[in-house]
């Protein structure tokens, strides 16, 4: 597996864990966990998109 693919896999796993933790936050009725989960999702998605952009710029 290429280094880039491992990074994308790691970001995808982090995003899924954050999405699952939103369910935990709803079950626990915790706004703090929900907010941290949403922030984690936004950060992971932003990192994935910026990494993809950098890889596309290098390959062109």
N, C-alpha and C. Protein backbone atom coordinates (compact mmCIF):
# COMPACT_ATOMS: atom_id res chain seq x y z
N UNK A 1 0.84 -1.18 0.00
CA UNK A 1 0.00 0.00 0.00
C UNK A 1 0.89 1.24 0.00
N UNK A 2 0.49 2.22 -0.80
CA UNK A 2 1.26 3.45 -0.85
C UNK A 2 1.05 4.27 0.41
N UNK A 3 2.01 5.14 0.66
CA UNK A 3 1.94 5.99 1.86
C UNK A 3 0.68 6.85 1.86
N UNK A 4 0.30 7.36 0.69
CA UNK A 4 -0.89 8.21 0.60
C UNK A 4 -2.15 7.43 0.95
N UNK A 5 -2.22 6.18 0.47
CA UNK A 5 -3.39 5.35 0.74
C UNK A 5 -3.53 5.04 2.23
N UNK A 6 -2.41 4.84 2.91
CA UNK A 6 -2.45 4.58 4.34
C UNK A 6 -2.96 5.82 5.07
N UNK A 7 -2.54 6.99 4.65
CA UNK A 7 -3.00 8.23 5.28
C UNK A 7 -4.49 8.43 5.05
N UNK A 8 -4.97 8.16 3.85
CA UNK A 8 -6.40 8.28 3.57
C UNK A 8 -7.20 7.26 4.38
N UNK A 9 -6.69 6.05 4.53
CA UNK A 9 -7.36 5.04 5.34
C UNK A 9 -7.44 5.49 6.79
N UNK A 10 -6.35 6.04 7.31
CA UNK A 10 -6.33 6.52 8.69
C UNK A 10 -7.33 7.66 8.90
N UNK A 11 -7.38 8.58 7.95
CA UNK A 11 -8.34 9.68 8.04
C UNK A 11 -9.78 9.18 7.97
N UNK A 12 -10.02 8.17 7.14
CA UNK A 12 -11.36 7.60 7.03
C UNK A 12 -11.76 6.91 8.34
N UNK A 13 -10.83 6.20 8.96
CA UNK A 13 -11.12 5.53 10.23
C UNK A 13 -11.40 6.56 11.32
N UNK A 14 -10.61 7.63 11.36
CA UNK A 14 -10.83 8.69 12.35
C UNK A 14 -12.20 9.32 12.15
N UNK A 15 -12.57 9.56 10.90
CA UNK A 15 -13.87 10.16 10.62
C UNK A 15 -15.01 9.25 11.05
N UNK A 16 -14.89 7.96 10.79
CA UNK A 16 -15.94 7.01 11.19
C UNK A 16 -16.05 6.95 12.71
N UNK A 17 -14.93 6.97 13.41
CA UNK A 17 -14.96 6.96 14.87
C UNK A 17 -15.66 8.21 15.40
N UNK A 18 -15.40 9.35 14.78
CA UNK A 18 -16.06 10.59 15.20
C UNK A 18 -17.56 10.53 14.93
N UNK A 19 -17.95 9.95 13.81
CA UNK A 19 -19.38 9.81 13.51
C UNK A 19 -20.05 8.87 14.52
N UNK A 20 -19.36 7.79 14.88
CA UNK A 20 -19.91 6.88 15.87
C UNK A 20 -20.01 7.55 17.23
N UNK A 21 -19.08 8.41 17.55
CA UNK A 21 -19.12 9.07 18.86
C UNK A 21 -20.27 10.07 18.95
N UNK A 22 -20.79 10.53 17.82
CA UNK A 22 -21.99 11.36 17.86
C UNK A 22 -23.17 10.52 18.39
N UNK A 23 -23.24 9.28 17.99
CA UNK A 23 -24.27 8.39 18.52
C UNK A 23 -24.12 8.19 20.02
N UNK A 24 -22.90 8.06 20.48
CA UNK A 24 -22.64 7.92 21.91
C UNK A 24 -23.06 9.20 22.63
N UNK A 25 -22.77 10.35 22.02
CA UNK A 25 -23.14 11.63 22.63
C UNK A 25 -24.65 11.76 22.75
N UNK A 26 -25.37 11.30 21.75
CA UNK A 26 -26.83 11.36 21.82
C UNK A 26 -27.34 10.44 22.93
N UNK A 27 -26.75 9.25 23.04
CA UNK A 27 -27.18 8.30 24.07
C UNK A 27 -26.87 8.83 25.47
N UNK A 28 -25.75 9.51 25.60
CA UNK A 28 -25.35 10.05 26.90
C UNK A 28 -25.92 11.44 27.16
N UNK A 29 -26.55 12.01 26.16
CA UNK A 29 -27.09 13.37 26.23
C UNK A 29 -25.99 14.37 26.59
N UNK A 30 -24.85 14.25 25.90
CA UNK A 30 -23.70 15.10 26.17
C UNK A 30 -23.44 16.01 24.97
N UNK A 31 -23.61 17.28 25.17
CA UNK A 31 -23.36 18.25 24.11
C UNK A 31 -21.86 18.38 23.84
N UNK A 32 -21.05 18.24 24.89
CA UNK A 32 -19.60 18.40 24.74
C UNK A 32 -19.03 17.32 23.81
N UNK A 33 -19.44 16.07 24.01
CA UNK A 33 -18.96 14.98 23.15
C UNK A 33 -19.42 15.20 21.71
N UNK A 34 -20.65 15.65 21.55
CA UNK A 34 -21.17 15.89 20.20
C UNK A 34 -20.38 16.99 19.50
N UNK A 35 -20.10 18.07 20.21
CA UNK A 35 -19.34 19.17 19.61
C UNK A 35 -17.92 18.74 19.26
N UNK A 36 -17.28 17.99 20.15
CA UNK A 36 -15.93 17.50 19.86
C UNK A 36 -15.93 16.55 18.66
N UNK A 37 -16.98 15.77 18.54
CA UNK A 37 -17.09 14.85 17.40
C UNK A 37 -17.24 15.60 16.09
N UNK A 38 -18.07 16.62 16.09
CA UNK A 38 -18.26 17.41 14.88
C UNK A 38 -16.96 18.12 14.49
N UNK A 39 -16.26 18.65 15.49
CA UNK A 39 -14.97 19.29 15.21
C UNK A 39 -13.98 18.28 14.64
N UNK A 40 -13.97 17.07 15.20
CA UNK A 40 -13.09 16.02 14.69
C UNK A 40 -13.40 15.64 13.26
N UNK A 41 -14.68 15.57 12.92
CA UNK A 41 -15.09 15.25 11.55
C UNK A 41 -14.63 16.34 10.59
N UNK A 42 -14.84 17.60 10.98
CA UNK A 42 -14.45 18.71 10.10
C UNK A 42 -12.94 18.72 9.88
N UNK A 43 -12.17 18.50 10.94
CA UNK A 43 -10.71 18.50 10.82
C UNK A 43 -10.25 17.34 9.93
N UNK A 44 -10.79 16.15 10.15
CA UNK A 44 -10.39 14.99 9.35
C UNK A 44 -10.74 15.17 7.88
N UNK A 45 -11.92 15.70 7.61
CA UNK A 45 -12.31 15.91 6.21
C UNK A 45 -11.46 17.00 5.56
N UNK A 46 -11.16 18.06 6.30
CA UNK A 46 -10.32 19.12 5.77
C UNK A 46 -8.92 18.59 5.45
N UNK A 47 -8.36 17.79 6.34
CA UNK A 47 -7.04 17.22 6.09
C UNK A 47 -7.06 16.30 4.86
N UNK A 48 -8.11 15.51 4.72
CA UNK A 48 -8.22 14.62 3.56
C UNK A 48 -8.32 15.37 2.25
N UNK A 49 -9.12 16.42 2.24
CA UNK A 49 -9.28 17.21 1.01
C UNK A 49 -7.99 17.94 0.67
N UNK A 50 -7.32 18.51 1.67
CA UNK A 50 -6.08 19.24 1.38
C UNK A 50 -4.97 18.28 0.95
N UNK A 51 -4.94 17.08 1.52
CA UNK A 51 -3.95 16.08 1.10
C UNK A 51 -4.19 15.64 -0.33
N UNK A 52 -5.46 15.42 -0.68
CA UNK A 52 -5.80 15.03 -2.05
C UNK A 52 -5.40 16.12 -3.04
N UNK A 53 -5.61 17.38 -2.66
CA UNK A 53 -5.24 18.50 -3.53
C UNK A 53 -3.73 18.55 -3.76
N UNK A 54 -2.96 18.34 -2.69
CA UNK A 54 -1.51 18.35 -2.82
C UNK A 54 -1.02 17.22 -3.69
N UNK A 55 -1.63 16.04 -3.56
CA UNK A 55 -1.23 14.88 -4.37
C UNK A 55 -1.56 15.13 -5.82
N UNK A 56 -2.71 15.74 -6.11
CA UNK A 56 -3.08 16.03 -7.49
C UNK A 56 -2.16 17.08 -8.11
N UNK A 57 -1.72 18.07 -7.31
CA UNK A 57 -0.82 19.10 -7.83
C UNK A 57 0.54 18.51 -8.18
N UNK A 58 1.02 17.58 -7.37
CA UNK A 58 2.32 16.96 -7.61
C UNK A 58 2.27 16.07 -8.85
N UNK A 59 1.16 15.35 -9.04
CA UNK A 59 1.07 14.41 -10.14
C UNK A 59 0.88 15.12 -11.50
N UNK A 60 0.46 16.36 -11.50
CA UNK A 60 0.24 17.06 -12.79
C UNK A 60 1.51 17.61 -13.36
